[in-house]
PDB file of N, CA and C in Angstrom:
ATOM      1  N   MET A   1      -8.153 -25.202 -30.777  1.00  0.00           N
ATOM      2  CA  MET A   1      -8.064 -25.230 -29.335  1.00  0.00           C
ATOM      3  C   MET A   1      -9.240 -26.038 -28.807  1.00  0.00           C
ATOM      4  N   ASN A   2      -8.973 -26.973 -27.913  1.00  0.00           N
ATOM      5  CA  ASN A   2     -10.036 -27.736 -27.280  1.00  0.00           C
ATOM      6  C   ASN A   2     -10.690 -26.889 -26.208  1.00  0.00           C
ATOM      7  N   LYS A   3     -12.017 -26.981 -26.171  1.00  0.00           N
ATOM      8  CA  LYS A   3     -12.765 -26.145 -25.228  1.00  0.00           C
ATOM      9  C   LYS A   3     -13.983 -26.913 -24.749  1.00  0.00           C
ATOM     10  N   ILE A   4     -14.207 -26.896 -23.447  1.00  0.00           N
ATOM     11  CA  ILE A   4     -15.387 -27.509 -22.856  1.00  0.00           C
ATOM     12  C   ILE A   4     -16.153 -26.411 -22.143  1.00  0.00           C
ATOM     13  N   VAL A   5     -17.450 -26.307 -22.437  1.00  0.00           N
ATOM     14  CA  VAL A   5     -18.300 -25.299 -21.795  1.00  0.00           C
ATOM     15  C   VAL A   5     -19.456 -26.011 -21.122  1.00  0.00           C
ATOM     16  N   ARG A   6     -19.682 -25.700 -19.860  1.00  0.00           N
ATOM     17  CA  ARG A   6     -20.829 -26.233 -19.121  1.00  0.00           C
ATOM     18  C   ARG A   6     -21.643 -25.063 -18.591  1.00  0.00           C
ATOM     19  N   GLU A   7     -22.864 -24.971 -19.065  1.00  0.00           N
ATOM     20  CA  GLU A   7     -23.780 -23.924 -18.601  1.00  0.00           C
ATOM     21  C   GLU A   7     -24.525 -24.426 -17.369  1.00  0.00           C
ATOM     22  N   HIS A   8     -24.836 -23.536 -16.462  1.00  0.00           N
ATOM     23  CA  HIS A   8     -25.639 -23.841 -15.273  1.00  0.00           C
ATOM     24  C   HIS A   8     -25.045 -24.992 -14.459  1.00  0.00           C
ATOM     25  N   TYR A   9     -23.747 -24.972 -14.295  1.00  0.00           N
ATOM     26  CA  TYR A   9     -23.051 -26.018 -13.542  1.00  0.00           C
ATOM     27  C   TYR A   9     -23.187 -25.731 -12.047  1.00  0.00           C
ATOM     28  N   PRO A  10     -23.603 -26.720 -11.241  1.00  0.00           N
ATOM     29  CA  PRO A  10     -23.802 -26.475  -9.804  1.00  0.00           C
ATOM     30  C   PRO A  10     -22.493 -26.159  -9.092  1.00  0.00           C
ATOM     31  N   VAL A  11     -22.499 -25.108  -8.303  1.00  0.00           N
ATOM     32  CA  VAL A  11     -21.321 -24.711  -7.528  1.00  0.00           C
ATOM     33  C   VAL A  11     -20.888 -25.849  -6.617  1.00  0.00           C
ATOM     34  N   ALA A  12     -21.832 -26.613  -6.107  1.00  0.00           N
ATOM     35  CA  ALA A  12     -21.520 -27.719  -5.201  1.00  0.00           C
ATOM     36  C   ALA A  12     -20.623 -28.767  -5.857  1.00  0.00           C
ATOM     37  N   ASN A  13     -20.636 -28.861  -7.184  1.00  0.00           N
ATOM     38  CA  ASN A  13     -19.817 -29.847  -7.892  1.00  0.00           C
ATOM     39  C   ASN A  13     -18.399 -29.351  -8.197  1.00  0.00           C
ATOM     40  N   LEU A  14     -18.149 -28.090  -7.950  1.00  0.00           N
ATOM     41  CA  LEU A  14     -16.820 -27.524  -8.208  1.00  0.00           C
ATOM     42  C   LEU A  14     -15.833 -27.970  -7.133  1.00  0.00           C
ATOM     43  N   PRO A  15     -14.549 -28.009  -7.458  1.00  0.00           N
ATOM     44  CA  PRO A  15     -13.547 -28.259  -6.420  1.00  0.00           C
ATOM     45  C   PRO A  15     -13.615 -27.158  -5.357  1.00  0.00           C
ATOM     46  N   GLU A  16     -13.174 -27.492  -4.181  1.00  0.00           N
ATOM     47  CA  GLU A  16     -13.303 -26.575  -3.043  1.00  0.00           C
ATOM     48  C   GLU A  16     -12.678 -25.207  -3.314  1.00  0.00           C
ATOM     49  N   ASP A  17     -11.516 -25.179  -3.932  1.00  0.00           N
ATOM     50  CA  ASP A  17     -10.848 -23.894  -4.162  1.00  0.00           C
ATOM     51  C   ASP A  17     -11.624 -23.008  -5.140  1.00  0.00           C
ATOM     52  N   LEU A  18     -12.425 -23.596  -6.016  1.00  0.00           N
ATOM     53  CA  LEU A  18     -13.226 -22.807  -6.950  1.00  0.00           C
ATOM     54  C   LEU A  18     -14.569 -22.387  -6.362  1.00  0.00           C
ATOM     55  N   ARG A  19     -15.016 -23.087  -5.331  1.00  0.00           N
ATOM     56  CA  ARG A  19     -16.283 -22.744  -4.690  1.00  0.00           C
ATOM     57  C   ARG A  19     -16.163 -21.523  -3.787  1.00  0.00           C
ATOM     58  N   GLU A  20     -14.954 -21.185  -3.414  1.00  0.00           N
ATOM     59  CA  GLU A  20     -14.718 -20.096  -2.470  1.00  0.00           C
ATOM     60  C   GLU A  20     -15.360 -18.793  -2.955  1.00  0.00           C
ATOM     61  N   GLY A  21     -16.193 -18.217  -2.106  1.00  0.00           N
ATOM     62  CA  GLY A  21     -16.835 -16.944  -2.419  1.00  0.00           C
ATOM     63  C   GLY A  21     -18.119 -17.063  -3.217  1.00  0.00           C
ATOM     64  N   LEU A  22     -18.542 -18.277  -3.557  1.00  0.00           N
ATOM     65  CA  LEU A  22     -19.764 -18.474  -4.333  1.00  0.00           C
ATOM     66  C   LEU A  22     -20.853 -19.063  -3.432  1.00  0.00           C
ATOM     67  N   ALA A  23     -22.086 -18.696  -3.692  1.00  0.00           N
ATOM     68  CA  ALA A  23     -23.212 -19.214  -2.918  1.00  0.00           C
ATOM     69  C   ALA A  23     -23.375 -20.708  -3.185  1.00  0.00           C
ATOM     70  N   ALA A  24     -23.667 -21.479  -2.148  1.00  0.00           N
ATOM     71  CA  ALA A  24     -23.729 -22.940  -2.239  1.00  0.00           C
ATOM     72  C   ALA A  24     -24.758 -23.429  -3.255  1.00  0.00           C
ATOM     73  N   GLY A  25     -25.896 -22.809  -3.367  1.00  0.00           N
ATOM     74  CA  GLY A  25     -26.935 -23.273  -4.268  1.00  0.00           C
ATOM     75  C   GLY A  25     -26.881 -22.673  -5.660  1.00  0.00           C
ATOM     76  N   ALA A  26     -25.888 -21.852  -5.929  1.00  0.00           N
ATOM     77  CA  ALA A  26     -25.799 -21.151  -7.212  1.00  0.00           C
ATOM     78  C   ALA A  26     -25.316 -22.081  -8.330  1.00  0.00           C
ATOM     79  N   THR A  27     -25.496 -21.615  -9.544  1.00  0.00           N
ATOM     80  CA  THR A  27     -24.924 -22.301 -10.701  1.00  0.00           C
ATOM     81  C   THR A  27     -23.986 -21.334 -11.415  1.00  0.00           C
ATOM     82  N   VAL A  28     -23.039 -21.887 -12.132  1.00  0.00           N
ATOM     83  CA  VAL A  28     -22.039 -21.070 -12.831  1.00  0.00           C
ATOM     84  C   VAL A  28     -21.857 -21.589 -14.255  1.00  0.00           C
ATOM     85  N   ARG A  29     -21.202 -20.801 -15.036  1.00  0.00           N
ATOM     86  CA  ARG A  29     -20.795 -21.218 -16.387  1.00  0.00           C
ATOM     87  C   ARG A  29     -19.315 -21.569 -16.291  1.00  0.00           C
ATOM     88  N   VAL A  30     -18.976 -22.795 -16.652  1.00  0.00           N
ATOM     89  CA  VAL A  30     -17.598 -23.273 -16.557  1.00  0.00           C
ATOM     90  C   VAL A  30     -17.043 -23.409 -17.972  1.00  0.00           C
ATOM     91  N   VAL A  31     -15.885 -22.797 -18.213  1.00  0.00           N
ATOM     92  CA  VAL A  31     -15.217 -22.894 -19.507  1.00  0.00           C
ATOM     93  C   VAL A  31     -13.814 -23.427 -19.271  1.00  0.00           C
ATOM     94  N   LEU A  32     -13.497 -24.547 -19.892  1.00  0.00           N
ATOM     95  CA  LEU A  32     -12.163 -25.134 -19.806  1.00  0.00           C
ATOM     96  C   LEU A  32     -11.530 -25.084 -21.188  1.00  0.00           C
ATOM     97  N   GLU A  33     -10.323 -24.544 -21.251  1.00  0.00           N
ATOM     98  CA  GLU A  33      -9.597 -24.469 -22.515  1.00  0.00           C
ATOM     99  C   GLU A  33      -8.223 -25.068 -22.334  1.00  0.00           C
ATOM    100  N   VAL A  34      -7.824 -25.890 -23.271  1.00  0.00           N
ATOM    101  CA  VAL A  34      -6.498 -26.481 -23.240  1.00  0.00           C
ATOM    102  C   VAL A  34      -5.546 -25.520 -23.921  1.00  0.00           C
ATOM    103  N   GLU A  35      -4.676 -24.880 -23.151  1.00  0.00           N
ATOM    104  CA  GLU A  35      -3.742 -23.910 -23.705  1.00  0.00           C
ATOM    105  C   GLU A  35      -2.376 -24.519 -23.972  1.00  0.00           C
ATOM    106  N   GLU A  36      -1.966 -25.435 -23.121  1.00  0.00           N
ATOM    107  CA  GLU A  36      -0.626 -25.982 -23.241  1.00  0.00           C
ATOM    108  C   GLU A  36      -0.410 -26.657 -24.583  1.00  0.00           C
ATOM    109  N   ALA A  37      -1.404 -27.408 -25.052  1.00  0.00           N
ATOM    110  CA  ALA A  37      -1.250 -28.097 -26.328  1.00  0.00           C
ATOM    111  C   ALA A  37      -1.099 -27.095 -27.464  1.00  0.00           C
ATOM    112  N   THR A  38      -1.901 -26.048 -27.447  1.00  0.00           N
ATOM    113  CA  THR A  38      -1.816 -25.034 -28.485  1.00  0.00           C
ATOM    114  C   THR A  38      -0.454 -24.360 -28.443  1.00  0.00           C
ATOM    115  N   SER A  39      -0.030 -24.016 -27.258  1.00  0.00           N
ATOM    116  CA  SER A  39       1.264 -23.373 -27.098  1.00  0.00           C
ATOM    117  C   SER A  39       2.386 -24.305 -27.554  1.00  0.00           C
ATOM    118  N   PHE A  40       2.295 -25.565 -27.181  1.00  0.00           N
ATOM    119  CA  PHE A  40       3.314 -26.546 -27.548  1.00  0.00           C
ATOM    120  C   PHE A  40       3.385 -26.720 -29.059  1.00  0.00           C
ATOM    121  N   VAL A  41       2.228 -26.853 -29.694  1.00  0.00           N
ATOM    122  CA  VAL A  41       2.186 -27.035 -31.148  1.00  0.00           C
ATOM    123  C   VAL A  41       2.749 -25.801 -31.852  1.00  0.00           C
ATOM    124  N   ALA A  42       2.360 -24.618 -31.392  1.00  0.00           N
ATOM    125  CA  ALA A  42       2.849 -23.376 -32.005  1.00  0.00           C
ATOM    126  C   ALA A  42       4.361 -23.267 -31.863  1.00  0.00           C
ATOM    127  N   LYS A  43       4.890 -23.587 -30.688  1.00  0.00           N
ATOM    128  CA  LYS A  43       6.343 -23.538 -30.482  1.00  0.00           C
ATOM    129  C   LYS A  43       7.053 -24.519 -31.406  1.00  0.00           C
ATOM    130  N   ALA A  44       6.495 -25.718 -31.557  1.00  0.00           N
ATOM    131  CA  ALA A  44       7.101 -26.718 -32.440  1.00  0.00           C
ATOM    132  C   ALA A  44       7.098 -26.234 -33.886  1.00  0.00           C
ATOM    133  N   LYS A  45       5.994 -25.621 -34.325  1.00  0.00           N
ATOM    134  CA  LYS A  45       5.924 -25.099 -35.699  1.00  0.00           C
ATOM    135  C   LYS A  45       6.949 -23.990 -35.912  1.00  0.00           C
ATOM    136  N   LEU A  46       7.089 -23.108 -34.920  1.00  0.00           N
ATOM    137  CA  LEU A  46       8.071 -22.028 -35.034  1.00  0.00           C
ATOM    138  C   LEU A  46       9.491 -22.575 -35.116  1.00  0.00           C
ATOM    139  N   GLU A  47       9.796 -23.565 -34.289  1.00  0.00           N
ATOM    140  CA  GLU A  47      11.137 -24.151 -34.298  1.00  0.00           C
ATOM    141  C   GLU A  47      11.430 -24.840 -35.627  1.00  0.00           C
ATOM    142  N   THR A  48      10.447 -25.566 -36.145  1.00  0.00           N
ATOM    143  CA  THR A  48      10.618 -26.239 -37.436  1.00  0.00           C
ATOM    144  C   THR A  48      10.847 -25.214 -38.538  1.00  0.00           C
ATOM    145  N   TRP A  49      10.036 -24.159 -38.540  1.00  0.00           N
ATOM    146  CA  TRP A  49      10.197 -23.123 -39.553  1.00  0.00           C
ATOM    147  C   TRP A  49      11.595 -22.499 -39.469  1.00  0.00           C
ATOM    148  N   ALA A  50      12.027 -22.181 -38.254  1.00  0.00           N
ATOM    149  CA  ALA A  50      13.334 -21.548 -38.078  1.00  0.00           C
ATOM    150  C   ALA A  50      14.463 -22.462 -38.541  1.00  0.00           C
ATOM    151  N   GLN A  51      14.385 -23.734 -38.198  1.00  0.00           N
ATOM    152  CA  GLN A  51      15.420 -24.674 -38.628  1.00  0.00           C
ATOM    153  C   GLN A  51      15.473 -24.759 -40.152  1.00  0.00           C
ATOM    154  N   ASN A  52      14.305 -24.847 -40.777  1.00  0.00           N
ATOM    155  CA  ASN A  52      14.264 -24.931 -42.241  1.00  0.00           C
ATOM    156  C   ASN A  52      14.780 -23.643 -42.875  1.00  0.00           C
ATOM    157  N   TYR A  53      14.394 -22.510 -42.312  1.00  0.00           N
ATOM    158  CA  TYR A  53      14.802 -21.218 -42.873  1.00  0.00           C
ATOM    159  C   TYR A  53      16.311 -21.035 -42.784  1.00  0.00           C
ATOM    160  N   TRP A  54      16.873 -21.265 -41.607  1.00  0.00           N
ATOM    161  CA  TRP A  54      18.298 -21.027 -41.425  1.00  0.00           C
ATOM    162  C   TRP A  54      19.164 -22.101 -42.067  1.00  0.00           C
ATOM    163  N   ALA A  55      18.553 -23.229 -42.430  1.00  0.00           N
ATOM    164  CA  ALA A  55      19.300 -24.270 -43.141  1.00  0.00           C
ATOM    165  C   ALA A  55      19.544 -23.876 -44.599  1.00  0.00           C
ATOM    166  N   LEU A  56      18.748 -22.955 -45.102  1.00  0.00           N
ATOM    167  CA  LEU A  56      18.911 -22.494 -46.485  1.00  0.00           C
ATOM    168  C   LEU A  56      20.121 -21.575 -46.607  1.00  0.00           C
ATOM    169  N   LYS A  57      20.722 -21.573 -47.782  1.00  0.00           N
ATOM    170  CA  LYS A  57      21.776 -20.605 -48.063  1.00  0.00           C
ATOM    171  C   LYS A  57      21.126 -19.227 -48.145  1.00  0.00           C
ATOM    172  N   PRO A  58      21.841 -18.187 -47.763  1.00  0.00           N
ATOM    173  CA  PRO A  58      21.244 -16.843 -47.793  1.00  0.00           C
ATOM    174  C   PRO A  58      20.622 -16.478 -49.139  1.00  0.00           C
ATOM    175  N   GLU A  59      21.238 -16.881 -50.218  1.00  0.00           N
ATOM    176  CA  GLU A  59      20.691 -16.528 -51.524  1.00  0.00           C
ATOM    177  C   GLU A  59      19.415 -17.308 -51.856  1.00  0.00           C
ATOM    178  N   ASP A  60      19.161 -18.404 -51.150  1.00  0.00           N
ATOM    179  CA  ASP A  60      17.951 -19.203 -51.388  1.00  0.00           C
ATOM    180  C   ASP A  60      16.780 -18.779 -50.497  1.00  0.00           C
ATOM    181  N   ARG A  61      17.048 -17.927 -49.523  1.00  0.00           N
ATOM    182  CA  ARG A  61      15.984 -17.467 -48.632  1.00  0.00           C
ATOM    183  C   ARG A  61      15.142 -16.415 -49.343  1.00  0.00           C
ATOM    184  N   LYS A  62      13.839 -16.624 -49.329  1.00  0.00           N
ATOM    185  CA  LYS A  62      12.940 -15.689 -50.002  1.00  0.00           C
ATOM    186  C   LYS A  62      12.234 -14.836 -48.953  1.00  0.00           C
ATOM    187  N   PRO A  63      11.928 -13.586 -49.300  1.00  0.00           N
ATOM    188  CA  PRO A  63      11.163 -12.743 -48.367  1.00  0.00           C
ATOM    189  C   PRO A  63       9.790 -13.367 -48.112  1.00  0.00           C
ATOM    190  N   MET A  64       9.303 -13.168 -46.907  1.00  0.00           N
ATOM    191  CA  MET A  64       7.989 -13.704 -46.555  1.00  0.00           C
ATOM    192  C   MET A  64       6.903 -12.822 -47.151  1.00  0.00           C
ATOM    193  N   SER A  65       5.832 -13.470 -47.603  1.00  0.00           N
ATOM    194  CA  SER A  65       4.676 -12.710 -48.083  1.00  0.00           C
ATOM    195  C   SER A  65       3.938 -12.156 -46.871  1.00  0.00           C
ATOM    196  N   SER A  66       3.021 -11.252 -47.096  1.00  0.00           N
ATOM    197  CA  SER A  66       2.257 -10.691 -45.988  1.00  0.00           C
ATOM    198  C   SER A  66       1.427 -11.776 -45.302  1.00  0.00           C
ATOM    199  N   GLU A  67       0.940 -12.761 -46.058  1.00  0.00           N
ATOM    200  CA  GLU A  67       0.171 -13.860 -45.470  1.00  0.00           C
ATOM    201  C   GLU A  67       1.062 -14.723 -44.580  1.00  0.00           C
ATOM    202  N   GLU A  68       2.268 -15.023 -45.069  1.00  0.00           N
ATOM    203  CA  GLU A  68       3.209 -15.824 -44.273  1.00  0.00           C
ATOM    204  C   GLU A  68       3.616 -15.081 -43.005  1.00  0.00           C
ATOM    205  N   LEU A  69       3.828 -13.789 -43.126  1.00  0.00           N
ATOM    206  CA  LEU A  69       4.178 -12.986 -41.962  1.00  0.00           C
ATOM    207  C   LEU A  69       3.044 -12.993 -40.941  1.00  0.00           C
ATOM    208  N   ALA A  70       1.806 -12.871 -41.414  1.00  0.00           N
ATOM    209  CA  ALA A  70       0.646 -12.912 -40.515  1.00  0.00           C
ATOM    210  C   ALA A  70       0.557 -14.265 -39.818  1.00  0.00           C
ATOM    211  N   GLN A  71       0.851 -15.347 -40.538  1.00  0.00           N
ATOM    212  CA  GLN A  71       0.833 -16.679 -39.938  1.00  0.00           C
ATOM    213  C   GLN A  71       1.904 -16.803 -38.857  1.00  0.00           C
ATOM    214  N   GLN A  72       3.092 -16.276 -39.131  1.00  0.00           N
ATOM    215  CA  GLN A  72       4.173 -16.327 -38.146  1.00  0.00           C
ATOM    216  C   GLN A  72       3.817 -15.513 -36.903  1.00  0.00           C
ATOM    217  N   MET A  73       3.197 -14.364 -37.109  1.00  0.00           N
ATOM    218  CA  MET A  73       2.775 -13.535 -35.970  1.00  0.00           C
ATOM    219  C   MET A  73       1.740 -14.274 -35.129  1.00  0.00           C
ATOM    220  N   GLN A  74       0.816 -14.968 -35.792  1.00  0.00           N
ATOM    221  CA  GLN A  74      -0.197 -15.740 -35.073  1.00  0.00           C
ATOM    222  C   GLN A  74       0.455 -16.869 -34.281  1.00  0.00           C
ATOM    223  N   LEU A  75       1.424 -17.546 -34.877  1.00  0.00           N
ATOM    224  CA  LEU A  75       2.137 -18.603 -34.159  1.00  0.00           C
ATOM    225  C   LEU A  75       2.862 -18.051 -32.938  1.00  0.00           C
ATOM    226  N   LEU A  76       3.471 -16.888 -33.090  1.00  0.00           N
ATOM    227  CA  LEU A  76       4.152 -16.271 -31.947  1.00  0.00           C
ATOM    228  C   LEU A  76       3.182 -15.973 -30.821  1.00  0.00           C
ATOM    229  N   ARG A  77       1.984 -15.483 -31.166  1.00  0.00           N
ATOM    230  CA  ARG A  77       0.967 -15.220 -30.137  1.00  0.00           C
ATOM    231  C   ARG A  77       0.536 -16.519 -29.465  1.00  0.00           C
ATOM    232  N   GLU A  78       0.304 -17.549 -30.272  1.00  0.00           N
ATOM    233  CA  GLU A  78      -0.134 -18.830 -29.732  1.00  0.00           C
ATOM    234  C   GLU A  78       0.959 -19.498 -28.899  1.00  0.00           C
ATOM    235  N   ALA A  79       2.206 -19.259 -29.252  1.00  0.00           N
ATOM    236  CA  ALA A  79       3.316 -19.853 -28.510  1.00  0.00           C
ATOM    237  C   ALA A  79       3.500 -19.199 -27.154  1.00  0.00           C
ATOM    238  N   ASP A  80       2.788 -18.117 -26.926  1.00  0.00           N
ATOM    239  CA  ASP A  80       2.804 -17.429 -25.637  1.00  0.00           C
ATOM    240  C   ASP A  80       4.225 -16.992 -25.269  1.00  0.00           C
ATOM    241  N   ARG A  81       4.900 -16.426 -26.219  1.00  0.00           N
ATOM    242  CA  ARG A  81       6.240 -15.902 -25.967  1.00  0.00           C
ATOM    243  C   ARG A  81       6.131 -14.624 -25.155  1.00  0.00           C
ATOM    244  N   THR A  82       6.820 -14.576 -24.061  1.00  0.00           N
ATOM    245  CA  THR A  82       6.795 -13.399 -23.219  1.00  0.00           C
ATOM    246  C   THR A  82       7.699 -12.334 -23.828  1.00  0.00           C
ATOM    247  N   PRO A  83       7.165 -11.151 -24.101  1.00  0.00           N
ATOM    248  CA  PRO A  83       8.010 -10.104 -24.673  1.00  0.00           C
ATOM    249  C   PRO A  83       9.057  -9.646 -23.658  1.00  0.00           C
ATOM    250  N   ILE A  84      10.187  -9.207 -24.169  1.00  0.00           N
ATOM    251  CA  ILE A  84      11.226  -8.695 -23.274  1.00  0.00           C
ATOM    252  C   ILE A  84      11.371  -7.194 -23.492  1.00  0.00           C
ATOM    253  N   SER A  85      11.930  -6.554 -22.503  1.00  0.00           N
ATOM    254  CA  SER A  85      12.102  -5.109 -22.590  1.00  0.00           C
ATOM    255  C   SER A  85      13.251  -4.778 -23.541  1.00  0.00           C
ATOM    256  N   THR A  86      13.297  -3.548 -23.958  1.00  0.00           N
ATOM    257  CA  THR A  86      14.383  -3.081 -24.815  1.00  0.00           C
ATOM    258  C   THR A  86      15.716  -3.239 -24.105  1.00  0.00           C
ATOM    259  N   GLU A  87      15.735  -2.920 -22.815  1.00  0.00           N
ATOM    260  CA  GLU A  87      16.968  -3.029 -22.037  1.00  0.00           C
ATOM    261  C   GLU A  87      17.470  -4.471 -21.999  1.00  0.00           C
ATOM    262  N   GLN A  88      16.539  -5.419 -21.822  1.00  0.00           N
ATOM    263  CA  GLN A  88      16.935  -6.823 -21.789  1.00  0.00           C
ATOM    264  C   GLN A  88      17.437  -7.280 -23.146  1.00  0.00           C
ATOM    265  N   ALA A  89      16.790  -6.839 -24.218  1.00  0.00           N
ATOM    266  CA  ALA A  89      17.228  -7.197 -25.568  1.00  0.00           C
ATOM    267  C   ALA A  89      18.638  -6.673 -25.828  1.00  0.00           C
ATOM    268  N   VAL A  90      18.898  -5.431 -25.441  1.00  0.00           N
ATOM    269  CA  VAL A  90      20.230  -4.841 -25.624  1.00  0.00           C
ATOM    270  C   VAL A  90      21.266  -5.615 -24.818  1.00  0.00           C
ATOM    271  N   ALA A  91      20.929  -5.973 -23.583  1.00  0.00           N
ATOM    272  CA  ALA A  91      21.855  -6.731 -22.738  1.00  0.00           C
ATOM    273  C   ALA A  91      22.162  -8.094 -23.363  1.00  0.00           C
ATOM    274  N   ASP A  92      21.134  -8.767 -23.890  1.00  0.00           N
ATOM    275  CA  ASP A  92      21.336 -10.065 -24.535  1.00  0.00           C
ATOM    276  C   ASP A  92      22.243  -9.939 -25.754  1.00  0.00           C
ATOM    277  N   ILE A  93      22.029  -8.900 -26.549  1.00  0.00           N
ATOM    278  CA  ILE A  93      22.849  -8.689 -27.744  1.00  0.00           C
ATOM    279  C   ILE A  93      24.296  -8.398 -27.361  1.00  0.00           C
ATOM    280  N   ARG A  94      24.492  -7.622 -26.313  1.00  0.00           N
ATOM    281  CA  ARG A  94      25.859  -7.329 -25.862  1.00  0.00           C
ATOM    282  C   ARG A  94      26.582  -8.591 -25.410  1.00  0.00           C
ATOM    283  N   VAL A  95      25.870  -9.478 -24.740  1.00  0.00           N
ATOM    284  CA  VAL A  95      26.473 -10.739 -24.302  1.00  0.00           C
ATOM    285  C   VAL A  95      26.909 -11.544 -25.520  1.00  0.00           C
ATOM    286  N   LEU A  96      26.039 -11.628 -26.534  1.00  0.00           N
ATOM    287  CA  LEU A  96      26.395 -12.350 -27.754  1.00  0.00           C
ATOM    288  C   LEU A  96      27.577 -11.704 -28.465  1.00  0.00           C
ATOM    289  N   ARG A  97      27.552 -10.385 -28.541  1.00  0.00           N
ATOM    290  CA  ARG A  97      28.648  -9.665 -29.188  1.00  0.00           C
ATOM    291  C   ARG A  97      29.968  -9.940 -28.476  1.00  0.00           C
ATOM    292  N   ASP A  98      29.939  -9.930 -27.152  1.00  0.00           N
ATOM    293  CA  ASP A  98      31.154 -10.187 -26.377  1.00  0.00           C
ATOM    294  C   ASP A  98      31.659 -11.608 -26.603  1.00  0.00           C
ATOM    295  N   GLU A  99      30.727 -12.563 -26.745  1.00  0.00           N
ATOM    296  CA  GLU A  99      31.142 -13.931 -27.031  1.00  0.00           C
ATOM    297  C   GLU A  99      31.846 -14.011 -28.383  1.00  0.00           C
ATOM    298  N   TRP A 100      31.295 -13.301 -29.384  1.00  0.00           N
ATOM    299  CA  TRP A 100      31.899 -13.323 -30.708  1.00  0.00           C
ATOM    300  C   TRP A 100      33.272 -12.655 -30.690  1.00  0.00           C
ATOM    301  N   ASP A 101      33.423 -11.598 -29.904  1.00  0.00           N
ATOM    302  CA  ASP A 101      34.693 -10.883 -29.842  1.00  0.00           C
ATOM    303  C   ASP A 101      35.793 -11.759 -29.248  1.00  0.00           C
ATOM    304  N   LYS A 102      35.423 -12.699 -28.365  1.00  0.00           N
ATOM    305  CA  LYS A 102      36.399 -13.561 -27.711  1.00  0.00           C
ATOM    306  C   LYS A 102      36.932 -14.620 -28.657  1.00  0.00           C
ATOM    307  N   GLU A 103      36.169 -14.925 -29.715  1.00  0.00           N
ATOM    308  CA  GLU A 103      36.593 -15.989 -30.642  1.00  0.00           C
ATOM    309  C   GLU A 103      37.643 -15.563 -31.593  1.00  0.00           C
TER     310      GLU A 103
END
């Protein structure tokens, strides 16, 4: 993750919306982190992994090791996937089930 840190940064140099509520002569610590790139890269890695995994025949798919599972969990966190409620998950599954029943 890219990160820029500026210690003792003058409040006067901040954009107006960030200066609000701060004393004019004060200094602040400014931390800038690029999140979108990390999230984008993590999402791309997850999509690539999923495509490769599901492209395999079921008998060729191997269980994930604990290390691989930990890596996937980390990617999910970095991808900033918003968790859904149980009710929403059930509703989504019912919609899919109904689509399959129509075929």
